């Protein structure tokens, strides 16, 4: 993912609210499945990390991105933004800026 594409996704993420919150039970298998399903439907999601979660948000974001096969867009404070491109590009809701060919 290029920096231009990442910046575009950050801009889109500013206007969305977190649809999941990570609490003291941290990352459970059910939570990961829920995140995966949300990424399939929405492509771009924001996740909040509650104060009672003792894990580092950056570590949680990396683990989530790895387990859901998504791209970590950003971590700001206790907010995580993830993006996953659809399997069928024709059904994409978000059109990323094209990467320059060298």
PDB file of N, CA and C in Angstrom:
ATOM      1  N   UNK A   1       0.844  -1.180   0.000  1.00  0.00           N
ATOM      2  CA  UNK A   1       0.000   0.000   0.000  1.00  0.00           C
ATOM      3  C   UNK A   1       0.888   1.240   0.000  1.00  0.00           C
ATOM      4  N   UNK A   2       0.570   2.172  -0.877  1.00  0.00           N
ATOM      5  CA  UNK A   2       1.380   3.388  -0.985  1.00  0.00           C
ATOM      6  C   UNK A   2       0.983   4.386   0.103  1.00  0.00           C
ATOM      7  N   UNK A   3       1.831   5.374   0.328  1.00  0.00           N
ATOM      8  CA  UNK A   3       1.525   6.391   1.333  1.00  0.00           C
ATOM      9  C   UNK A   3       0.316   7.222   0.910  1.00  0.00           C
ATOM     10  N   UNK A   4       0.154   7.417  -0.399  1.00  0.00           N
ATOM     11  CA  UNK A   4      -0.998   8.166  -0.893  1.00  0.00           C
ATOM     12  C   UNK A   4      -2.302   7.410  -0.601  1.00  0.00           C
ATOM     13  N   UNK A   5      -2.279   6.095  -0.801  1.00  0.00           N
ATOM     14  CA  UNK A   5      -3.453   5.277  -0.518  1.00  0.00           C
ATOM     15  C   UNK A   5      -3.755   5.269   0.980  1.00  0.00           C
ATOM     16  N   UNK A   6      -2.698   5.163   1.781  1.00  0.00           N
ATOM     17  CA  UNK A   6      -2.871   5.160   3.235  1.00  0.00           C
ATOM     18  C   UNK A   6      -3.453   6.504   3.703  1.00  0.00           C
ATOM     19  N   UNK A   7      -2.961   7.599   3.142  1.00  0.00           N
ATOM     20  CA  UNK A   7      -3.465   8.927   3.508  1.00  0.00           C
ATOM     21  C   UNK A   7      -4.937   9.070   3.127  1.00  0.00           C
ATOM     22  N   UNK A   8      -5.300   8.529   1.978  1.00  0.00           N
ATOM     23  CA  UNK A   8      -6.697   8.570   1.524  1.00  0.00           C
ATOM     24  C   UNK A   8      -7.589   7.816   2.519  1.00  0.00           C
ATOM     25  N   UNK A   9      -7.155   6.632   2.941  1.00  0.00           N
ATOM     26  CA  UNK A   9      -7.936   5.833   3.899  1.00  0.00           C
ATOM     27  C   UNK A   9      -8.021   6.520   5.258  1.00  0.00           C
ATOM     28  N   UNK A  10      -6.953   7.179   5.678  1.00  0.00           N
ATOM     29  CA  UNK A  10      -6.975   7.918   6.946  1.00  0.00           C
ATOM     30  C   UNK A  10      -8.029   9.012   6.896  1.00  0.00           C
ATOM     31  N   UNK A  11      -8.108   9.681   5.748  1.00  0.00           N
ATOM     32  CA  UNK A  11      -9.108  10.725   5.576  1.00  0.00           C
ATOM     33  C   UNK A  11     -10.526  10.178   5.668  1.00  0.00           C
ATOM     34  N   UNK A  12     -10.759   9.032   5.047  1.00  0.00           N
ATOM     35  CA  UNK A  12     -12.083   8.406   5.133  1.00  0.00           C
ATOM     36  C   UNK A  12     -12.397   7.968   6.558  1.00  0.00           C
ATOM     37  N   UNK A  13     -11.390   7.482   7.265  1.00  0.00           N
ATOM     38  CA  UNK A  13     -11.590   6.943   8.616  1.00  0.00           C
ATOM     39  C   UNK A  13     -11.927   8.034   9.630  1.00  0.00           C
ATOM     40  N   UNK A  14     -11.560   9.268   9.329  1.00  0.00           N
ATOM     41  CA  UNK A  14     -11.848  10.351  10.271  1.00  0.00           C
ATOM     42  C   UNK A  14     -13.353  10.499  10.516  1.00  0.00           C
ATOM     43  N   UNK A  15     -14.157  10.170   9.521  1.00  0.00           N
ATOM     44  CA  UNK A  15     -15.603  10.384   9.605  1.00  0.00           C
ATOM     45  C   UNK A  15     -16.396   9.178  10.094  1.00  0.00           C
ATOM     46  N   UNK A  16     -15.726   8.079  10.421  1.00  0.00           N
ATOM     47  CA  UNK A  16     -16.464   6.912  10.883  1.00  0.00           C
ATOM     48  C   UNK A  16     -16.245   6.694  12.380  1.00  0.00           C
ATOM     49  N   UNK A  17     -17.230   6.090  13.011  1.00  0.00           N
ATOM     50  CA  UNK A  17     -17.158   5.790  14.436  1.00  0.00           C
ATOM     51  C   UNK A  17     -16.679   4.358  14.628  1.00  0.00           C
ATOM     52  N   UNK A  18     -16.057   4.074  15.789  1.00  0.00           N
ATOM     53  CA  UNK A  18     -15.645   2.695  16.064  1.00  0.00           C
ATOM     54  C   UNK A  18     -16.860   1.768  16.116  1.00  0.00           C
ATOM     55  N   UNK A  19     -16.741   0.606  15.458  1.00  0.00           N
ATOM     56  CA  UNK A  19     -17.858  -0.347  15.493  1.00  0.00           C
ATOM     57  C   UNK A  19     -17.578  -1.497  16.446  1.00  0.00           C
ATOM     58  N   UNK A  20     -16.343  -1.597  16.928  1.00  0.00           N
ATOM     59  CA  UNK A  20     -15.956  -2.600  17.927  1.00  0.00           C
ATOM     60  C   UNK A  20     -15.134  -1.910  19.000  1.00  0.00           C
ATOM     61  N   UNK A  21     -15.201  -2.456  20.208  1.00  0.00           N
ATOM     62  CA  UNK A  21     -14.348  -1.995  21.303  1.00  0.00           C
ATOM     63  C   UNK A  21     -13.648  -3.200  21.912  1.00  0.00           C
ATOM     64  N   UNK A  22     -12.353  -3.054  22.144  1.00  0.00           N
ATOM     65  CA  UNK A  22     -11.577  -4.119  22.784  1.00  0.00           C
ATOM     66  C   UNK A  22     -11.529  -3.811  24.274  1.00  0.00           C
ATOM     67  N   UNK A  23     -12.001  -4.752  25.078  1.00  0.00           N
ATOM     68  CA  UNK A  23     -12.051  -4.564  26.525  1.00  0.00           C
ATOM     69  C   UNK A  23     -11.028  -5.405  27.253  1.00  0.00           C
ATOM     70  N   UNK A  24     -11.329  -5.715  28.519  1.00  0.00           N
ATOM     71  CA  UNK A  24     -10.347  -6.424  29.341  1.00  0.00           C
ATOM     72  C   UNK A  24     -10.102  -7.857  28.891  1.00  0.00           C
ATOM     73  N   UNK A  25     -11.041  -8.464  28.164  1.00  0.00           N
ATOM     74  CA  UNK A  25     -10.808  -9.831  27.693  1.00  0.00           C
ATOM     75  C   UNK A  25      -9.909  -9.849  26.455  1.00  0.00           C
ATOM     76  N   UNK A  26      -9.572  -8.668  25.956  1.00  0.00           N
ATOM     77  CA  UNK A  26      -8.646  -8.484  24.832  1.00  0.00           C
ATOM     78  C   UNK A  26      -9.163  -9.183  23.574  1.00  0.00           C
ATOM     79  N   UNK A  27      -8.284  -9.889  22.852  1.00  0.00           N
ATOM     80  CA  UNK A  27      -8.657 -10.490  21.574  1.00  0.00           C
ATOM     81  C   UNK A  27      -9.068 -11.949  21.743  1.00  0.00           C
ATOM     82  N   UNK A  28     -10.354 -12.198  21.634  1.00  0.00           N
ATOM     83  CA  UNK A  28     -10.856 -13.568  21.696  1.00  0.00           C
ATOM     84  C   UNK A  28     -11.063 -14.064  20.265  1.00  0.00           C
ATOM     85  N   UNK A  29     -11.118 -15.377  20.057  1.00  0.00           N
ATOM     86  CA  UNK A  29     -11.369 -15.893  18.707  1.00  0.00           C
ATOM     87  C   UNK A  29     -12.681 -15.362  18.108  1.00  0.00           C
ATOM     88  N   UNK A  30     -13.713 -15.220  18.948  1.00  0.00           N
ATOM     89  CA  UNK A  30     -14.993 -14.705  18.464  1.00  0.00           C
ATOM     90  C   UNK A  30     -14.867 -13.254  18.006  1.00  0.00           C
ATOM     91  N   UNK A  31     -14.073 -12.486  18.720  1.00  0.00           N
ATOM     92  CA  UNK A  31     -13.860 -11.081  18.365  1.00  0.00           C
ATOM     93  C   UNK A  31     -13.162 -10.980  17.004  1.00  0.00           C
ATOM     94  N   UNK A  32     -12.167 -11.820  16.788  1.00  0.00           N
ATOM     95  CA  UNK A  32     -11.428 -11.826  15.513  1.00  0.00           C
ATOM     96  C   UNK A  32     -12.379 -12.183  14.363  1.00  0.00           C
ATOM     97  N   UNK A  33     -13.260 -13.162  14.577  1.00  0.00           N
ATOM     98  CA  UNK A  33     -14.237 -13.546  13.550  1.00  0.00           C
ATOM     99  C   UNK A  33     -15.154 -12.368  13.247  1.00  0.00           C
ATOM    100  N   UNK A  34     -15.596 -11.675  14.270  1.00  0.00           N
ATOM    101  CA  UNK A  34     -16.458 -10.510  14.089  1.00  0.00           C
ATOM    102  C   UNK A  34     -15.773  -9.411  13.287  1.00  0.00           C
ATOM    103  N   UNK A  35     -14.513  -9.179  13.582  1.00  0.00           N
ATOM    104  CA  UNK A  35     -13.738  -8.169  12.848  1.00  0.00           C
ATOM    105  C   UNK A  35     -13.609  -8.587  11.384  1.00  0.00           C
ATOM    106  N   UNK A  36     -13.307  -9.858  11.151  1.00  0.00           N
ATOM    107  CA  UNK A  36     -13.163 -10.353   9.774  1.00  0.00           C
ATOM    108  C   UNK A  36     -14.447 -10.156   8.981  1.00  0.00           C
ATOM    109  N   UNK A  37     -15.587 -10.488   9.603  1.00  0.00           N
ATOM    110  CA  UNK A  37     -16.876 -10.334   8.923  1.00  0.00           C
ATOM    111  C   UNK A  37     -17.176  -8.861   8.627  1.00  0.00           C
ATOM    112  N   UNK A  38     -16.847  -7.987   9.572  1.00  0.00           N
ATOM    113  CA  UNK A  38     -17.082  -6.553   9.365  1.00  0.00           C
ATOM    114  C   UNK A  38     -16.199  -6.014   8.237  1.00  0.00           C
ATOM    115  N   UNK A  39     -14.973  -6.489   8.164  1.00  0.00           N
ATOM    116  CA  UNK A  39     -14.066  -6.057   7.093  1.00  0.00           C
ATOM    117  C   UNK A  39     -14.572  -6.517   5.730  1.00  0.00           C
ATOM    118  N   UNK A  40     -15.148  -7.715   5.675  1.00  0.00           N
ATOM    119  CA  UNK A  40     -15.693  -8.221   4.412  1.00  0.00           C
ATOM    120  C   UNK A  40     -16.821  -7.320   3.905  1.00  0.00           C
ATOM    121  N   UNK A  41     -17.642  -6.838   4.834  1.00  0.00           N
ATOM    122  CA  UNK A  41     -18.793  -6.019   4.451  1.00  0.00           C
ATOM    123  C   UNK A  41     -18.434  -4.554   4.223  1.00  0.00           C
ATOM    124  N   UNK A  42     -17.601  -3.995   5.097  1.00  0.00           N
ATOM    125  CA  UNK A  42     -17.355  -2.552   5.079  1.00  0.00           C
ATOM    126  C   UNK A  42     -16.040  -2.132   4.446  1.00  0.00           C
ATOM    127  N   UNK A  43     -15.052  -2.983   4.406  1.00  0.00           N
ATOM    128  CA  UNK A  43     -13.699  -2.732   3.896  1.00  0.00           C
ATOM    129  C   UNK A  43     -12.851  -1.888   4.845  1.00  0.00           C
ATOM    130  N   UNK A  44     -13.407  -0.822   5.413  1.00  0.00           N
ATOM    131  CA  UNK A  44     -12.658   0.072   6.302  1.00  0.00           C
ATOM    132  C   UNK A  44     -13.401   0.162   7.629  1.00  0.00           C
ATOM    133  N   UNK A  45     -12.731  -0.191   8.728  1.00  0.00           N
ATOM    134  CA  UNK A  45     -13.382  -0.126  10.034  1.00  0.00           C
ATOM    135  C   UNK A  45     -12.470   0.529  11.057  1.00  0.00           C
ATOM    136  N   UNK A  46     -13.102   1.067  12.082  1.00  0.00           N
ATOM    137  CA  UNK A  46     -12.372   1.663  13.196  1.00  0.00           C
ATOM    138  C   UNK A  46     -12.730   0.875  14.450  1.00  0.00           C
ATOM    139  N   UNK A  47     -11.717   0.625  15.279  1.00  0.00           N
ATOM    140  CA  UNK A  47     -11.891  -0.155  16.503  1.00  0.00           C
ATOM    141  C   UNK A  47     -11.357   0.673  17.668  1.00  0.00           C
ATOM    142  N   UNK A  48     -12.103   0.718  18.753  1.00  0.00           N
ATOM    143  CA  UNK A  48     -11.659   1.418  19.950  1.00  0.00           C
ATOM    144  C   UNK A  48     -11.052   0.443  20.948  1.00  0.00           C
ATOM    145  N   UNK A  49     -10.066   0.945  21.705  1.00  0.00           N
ATOM    146  CA  UNK A  49      -9.468   0.143  22.779  1.00  0.00           C
ATOM    147  C   UNK A  49      -9.859   0.817  24.085  1.00  0.00           C
ATOM    148  N   UNK A  50     -10.616   0.091  24.912  1.00  0.00           N
ATOM    149  CA  UNK A  50     -11.110   0.659  26.165  1.00  0.00           C
ATOM    150  C   UNK A  50      -9.993   0.793  27.197  1.00  0.00           C
ATOM    151  N   UNK A  51     -10.242   1.636  28.201  1.00  0.00           N
ATOM    152  CA  UNK A  51      -9.234   1.883  29.241  1.00  0.00           C
ATOM    153  C   UNK A  51      -8.923   0.639  30.059  1.00  0.00           C
ATOM    154  N   UNK A  52      -9.901  -0.271  30.193  1.00  0.00           N
ATOM    155  CA  UNK A  52      -9.675  -1.470  31.008  1.00  0.00           C
ATOM    156  C   UNK A  52      -8.884  -2.551  30.265  1.00  0.00           C
ATOM    157  N   UNK A  53      -8.515  -2.309  29.016  1.00  0.00           N
ATOM    158  CA  UNK A  53      -7.673  -3.252  28.269  1.00  0.00           C
ATOM    159  C   UNK A  53      -6.214  -2.899  28.554  1.00  0.00           C
ATOM    160  N   UNK A  54      -5.476  -3.852  29.077  1.00  0.00           N
ATOM    161  CA  UNK A  54      -4.097  -3.583  29.489  1.00  0.00           C
ATOM    162  C   UNK A  54      -3.077  -3.756  28.362  1.00  0.00           C
ATOM    163  N   UNK A  55      -3.511  -4.235  27.200  1.00  0.00           N
ATOM    164  CA  UNK A  55      -2.586  -4.470  26.090  1.00  0.00           C
ATOM    165  C   UNK A  55      -2.304  -3.173  25.331  1.00  0.00           C
ATOM    166  N   UNK A  56      -1.150  -3.131  24.693  1.00  0.00           N
ATOM    167  CA  UNK A  56      -0.750  -1.970  23.894  1.00  0.00           C
ATOM    168  C   UNK A  56      -1.567  -1.924  22.600  1.00  0.00           C
ATOM    169  N   UNK A  57      -2.210  -0.788  22.286  1.00  0.00           N
ATOM    170  CA  UNK A  57      -3.019  -0.693  21.060  1.00  0.00           C
ATOM    171  C   UNK A  57      -2.236  -1.013  19.780  1.00  0.00           C
ATOM    172  N   UNK A  58      -0.960  -0.650  19.723  1.00  0.00           N
ATOM    173  CA  UNK A  58      -0.171  -0.932  18.514  1.00  0.00           C
ATOM    174  C   UNK A  58       0.051  -2.429  18.337  1.00  0.00           C
ATOM    175  N   UNK A  59       0.306  -3.117  19.434  1.00  0.00           N
ATOM    176  CA  UNK A  59       0.478  -4.575  19.357  1.00  0.00           C
ATOM    177  C   UNK A  59      -0.843  -5.247  18.967  1.00  0.00           C
ATOM    178  N   UNK A  60      -1.938  -4.782  19.571  1.00  0.00           N
ATOM    179  CA  UNK A  60      -3.251  -5.334  19.232  1.00  0.00           C
ATOM    180  C   UNK A  60      -3.549  -5.126  17.750  1.00  0.00           C
ATOM    181  N   UNK A  61      -3.229  -3.933  17.236  1.00  0.00           N
ATOM    182  CA  UNK A  61      -3.494  -3.609  15.831  1.00  0.00           C
ATOM    183  C   UNK A  61      -2.710  -4.534  14.908  1.00  0.00           C
ATOM    184  N   UNK A  62      -1.443  -4.775  15.231  1.00  0.00           N
ATOM    185  CA  UNK A  62      -0.625  -5.670  14.404  1.00  0.00           C
ATOM    186  C   UNK A  62      -1.163  -7.092  14.411  1.00  0.00           C
ATOM    187  N   UNK A  63      -1.572  -7.570  15.575  1.00  0.00           N
ATOM    188  CA  UNK A  63      -2.123  -8.925  15.686  1.00  0.00           C
ATOM    189  C   UNK A  63      -3.439  -9.019  14.901  1.00  0.00           C
ATOM    190  N   UNK A  64      -4.301  -8.011  15.046  1.00  0.00           N
ATOM    191  CA  UNK A  64      -5.576  -8.005  14.318  1.00  0.00           C
ATOM    192  C   UNK A  64      -5.354  -8.003  12.814  1.00  0.00           C
ATOM    193  N   UNK A  65      -4.443  -7.161  12.346  1.00  0.00           N
ATOM    194  CA  UNK A  65      -4.174  -7.080  10.905  1.00  0.00           C
ATOM    195  C   UNK A  65      -3.664  -8.421  10.384  1.00  0.00           C
ATOM    196  N   UNK A  66      -2.804  -9.060  11.156  1.00  0.00           N
ATOM    197  CA  UNK A  66      -2.240 -10.353  10.737  1.00  0.00           C
ATOM    198  C   UNK A  66      -3.311 -11.440  10.702  1.00  0.00           C
ATOM    199  N   UNK A  67      -4.131 -11.510  11.741  1.00  0.00           N
ATOM    200  CA  UNK A  67      -5.130 -12.587  11.834  1.00  0.00           C
ATOM    201  C   UNK A  67      -6.314 -12.397  10.892  1.00  0.00           C
ATOM    202  N   UNK A  68      -6.587 -11.159  10.477  1.00  0.00           N
ATOM    203  CA  UNK A  68      -7.714 -10.910   9.574  1.00  0.00           C
ATOM    204  C   UNK A  68      -7.248 -10.696   8.134  1.00  0.00           C
ATOM    205  N   UNK A  69      -5.955 -10.818   7.895  1.00  0.00           N
ATOM    206  CA  UNK A  69      -5.375 -10.583   6.565  1.00  0.00           C
ATOM    207  C   UNK A  69      -5.761  -9.213   6.020  1.00  0.00           C
ATOM    208  N   UNK A  70      -5.686  -8.213   6.877  1.00  0.00           N
ATOM    209  CA  UNK A  70      -6.033  -6.850   6.484  1.00  0.00           C
ATOM    210  C   UNK A  70      -4.805  -5.957   6.596  1.00  0.00           C
ATOM    211  N   UNK A  71      -4.984  -4.696   6.228  1.00  0.00           N
ATOM    212  CA  UNK A  71      -3.890  -3.725   6.280  1.00  0.00           C
ATOM    213  C   UNK A  71      -4.144  -2.784   7.441  1.00  0.00           C
ATOM    214  N   UNK A  72      -3.126  -2.587   8.259  1.00  0.00           N
ATOM    215  CA  UNK A  72      -3.215  -1.624   9.351  1.00  0.00           C
ATOM    216  C   UNK A  72      -3.020  -0.238   8.756  1.00  0.00           C
ATOM    217  N   UNK A  73      -4.059   0.586   8.812  1.00  0.00           N
ATOM    218  CA  UNK A  73      -3.982   1.932   8.251  1.00  0.00           C
ATOM    219  C   UNK A  73      -3.319   2.871   9.240  1.00  0.00           C
ATOM    220  N   UNK A  74      -3.818   2.868  10.483  1.00  0.00           N
ATOM    221  CA  UNK A  74      -3.214   3.729  11.499  1.00  0.00           C
ATOM    222  C   UNK A  74      -3.663   3.331  12.895  1.00  0.00           C
ATOM    223  N   UNK A  75      -2.870   3.768  13.868  1.00  0.00           N
ATOM    224  CA  UNK A  75      -3.230   3.665  15.280  1.00  0.00           C
ATOM    225  C   UNK A  75      -3.019   5.054  15.864  1.00  0.00           C
ATOM    226  N   UNK A  76      -4.097   5.650  16.344  1.00  0.00           N
ATOM    227  CA  UNK A  76      -3.980   6.962  16.995  1.00  0.00           C
ATOM    228  C   UNK A  76      -4.544   6.803  18.391  1.00  0.00           C
ATOM    229  N   UNK A  77      -3.685   6.948  19.383  1.00  0.00           N
ATOM    230  CA  UNK A  77      -4.129   6.785  20.762  1.00  0.00           C
ATOM    231  C   UNK A  77      -4.708   5.401  20.968  1.00  0.00           C
ATOM    232  N   UNK A  78      -5.991   5.342  21.256  1.00  0.00           N
ATOM    233  CA  UNK A  78      -6.656   4.062  21.488  1.00  0.00           C
ATOM    234  C   UNK A  78      -7.652   3.741  20.381  1.00  0.00           C
ATOM    235  N   UNK A  79      -7.372   4.224  19.184  1.00  0.00           N
ATOM    236  CA  UNK A  79      -8.214   3.930  18.011  1.00  0.00           C
ATOM    237  C   UNK A  79      -7.364   3.227  16.954  1.00  0.00           C
ATOM    238  N   UNK A  80      -7.918   2.146  16.389  1.00  0.00           N
ATOM    239  CA  UNK A  80      -7.243   1.349  15.364  1.00  0.00           C
ATOM    240  C   UNK A  80      -8.089   1.407  14.096  1.00  0.00           C
ATOM    241  N   UNK A  81      -7.436   1.618  12.955  1.00  0.00           N
ATOM    242  CA  UNK A  81      -8.150   1.627  11.680  1.00  0.00           C
ATOM    243  C   UNK A  81      -7.569   0.518  10.807  1.00  0.00           C
ATOM    244  N   UNK A  82      -8.447  -0.366  10.311  1.00  0.00           N
ATOM    245  CA  UNK A  82      -8.050  -1.479   9.448  1.00  0.00           C
ATOM    246  C   UNK A  82      -8.764  -1.391   8.108  1.00  0.00           C
ATOM    247  N   UNK A  83      -8.084  -1.853   7.056  1.00  0.00           N
ATOM    248  CA  UNK A  83      -8.671  -1.883   5.716  1.00  0.00           C
ATOM    249  C   UNK A  83      -8.401  -3.253   5.104  1.00  0.00           C
ATOM    250  N   UNK A  84      -9.417  -3.765   4.408  1.00  0.00           N
ATOM    251  CA  UNK A  84      -9.242  -5.016   3.680  1.00  0.00           C
ATOM    252  C   UNK A  84      -9.916  -4.882   2.325  1.00  0.00           C
ATOM    253  N   UNK A  85      -9.133  -5.056   1.267  1.00  0.00           N
ATOM    254  CA  UNK A  85      -9.680  -4.971  -0.089  1.00  0.00           C
ATOM    255  C   UNK A  85     -10.595  -6.162  -0.330  1.00  0.00           C
ATOM    256  N   UNK A  86     -11.674  -5.958  -1.066  1.00  0.00           N
ATOM    257  CA  UNK A  86     -12.587  -7.072  -1.346  1.00  0.00           C
ATOM    258  C   UNK A  86     -11.948  -8.086  -2.291  1.00  0.00           C
ATOM    259  N   UNK A  87     -12.441  -9.328  -2.206  1.00  0.00           N
ATOM    260  CA  UNK A  87     -11.917 -10.377  -3.086  1.00  0.00           C
ATOM    261  C   UNK A  87     -12.273 -10.090  -4.536  1.00  0.00           C
ATOM    262  N   UNK A  88     -13.455  -9.537  -4.766  1.00  0.00           N
ATOM    263  CA  UNK A  88     -13.890  -9.177  -6.118  1.00  0.00           C
ATOM    264  C   UNK A  88     -13.763  -7.658  -6.278  1.00  0.00           C
ATOM    265  N   UNK A  89     -12.767  -7.187  -7.047  1.00  0.00           N
ATOM    266  CA  UNK A  89     -12.558  -5.741  -7.191  1.00  0.00           C
ATOM    267  C   UNK A  89     -13.761  -4.985  -7.745  1.00  0.00           C
ATOM    268  N   UNK A  90     -14.646  -5.667  -8.449  1.00  0.00           N
ATOM    269  CA  UNK A  90     -15.832  -5.009  -9.005  1.00  0.00           C
ATOM    270  C   UNK A  90     -16.826  -4.614  -7.917  1.00  0.00           C
ATOM    271  N   UNK A  91     -16.753  -5.279  -6.769  1.00  0.00           N
ATOM    272  CA  UNK A  91     -17.683  -4.996  -5.677  1.00  0.00           C
ATOM    273  C   UNK A  91     -17.097  -4.024  -4.650  1.00  0.00           C
ATOM    274  N   UNK A  92     -15.971  -3.420  -4.962  1.00  0.00           N
ATOM    275  CA  UNK A  92     -15.298  -2.519  -4.022  1.00  0.00           C
ATOM    276  C   UNK A  92     -16.148  -1.296  -3.722  1.00  0.00           C
ATOM    277  N   UNK A  93     -16.260  -0.967  -2.449  1.00  0.00           N
ATOM    278  CA  UNK A  93     -16.981   0.228  -2.024  1.00  0.00           C
ATOM    279  C   UNK A  93     -16.035   1.425  -1.986  1.00  0.00           C
ATOM    280  N   UNK A  94     -14.769   1.147  -1.722  1.00  0.00           N
ATOM    281  CA  UNK A  94     -13.757   2.196  -1.627  1.00  0.00           C
ATOM    282  C   UNK A  94     -12.792   2.033  -2.795  1.00  0.00           C
ATOM    283  N   UNK A  95     -12.631   3.095  -3.562  1.00  0.00           N
ATOM    284  CA  UNK A  95     -11.695   3.053  -4.681  1.00  0.00           C
ATOM    285  C   UNK A  95     -10.434   3.803  -4.270  1.00  0.00           C
ATOM    286  N   UNK A  96      -9.338   3.055  -4.130  1.00  0.00           N
ATOM    287  CA  UNK A  96      -8.077   3.654  -3.725  1.00  0.00           C
ATOM    288  C   UNK A  96      -7.428   4.392  -4.902  1.00  0.00           C
ATOM    289  N   UNK A  97      -6.666   5.454  -4.599  1.00  0.00           N
ATOM    290  CA  UNK A  97      -5.901   6.111  -5.659  1.00  0.00           C
ATOM    291  C   UNK A  97      -4.932   5.098  -6.286  1.00  0.00           C
ATOM    292  N   UNK A  98      -4.727   5.194  -7.557  1.00  0.00           N
ATOM    293  CA  UNK A  98      -3.852   4.253  -8.259  1.00  0.00           C
ATOM    294  C   UNK A  98      -2.386   4.487  -7.868  1.00  0.00           C
ATOM    295  N   UNK A  99      -1.647   3.403  -7.753  1.00  0.00           N
ATOM    296  CA  UNK A  99      -0.211   3.490  -7.484  1.00  0.00           C
ATOM    297  C   UNK A  99       0.505   3.829  -8.780  1.00  0.00           C
ATOM    298  N   UNK A 100       1.497   4.704  -8.682  1.00  0.00           N
ATOM    299  CA  UNK A 100       2.248   5.071  -9.883  1.00  0.00           C
ATOM    300  C   UNK A 100       3.130   3.922 -10.322  1.00  0.00           C
ATOM    301  N   UNK A 101       3.186   3.705 -11.634  1.00  0.00           N
ATOM    302  CA  UNK A 101       4.055   2.668 -12.171  1.00  0.00           C
ATOM    303  C   UNK A 101       5.419   3.288 -12.470  1.00  0.00           C
ATOM    304  N   UNK A 102       6.437   2.562 -12.065  1.00  0.00           N
ATOM    305  CA  UNK A 102       7.804   3.086 -12.273  1.00  0.00           C
ATOM    306  C   UNK A 102       8.431   2.513 -13.504  1.00  0.00           C
TER     307      UNK A 102
END
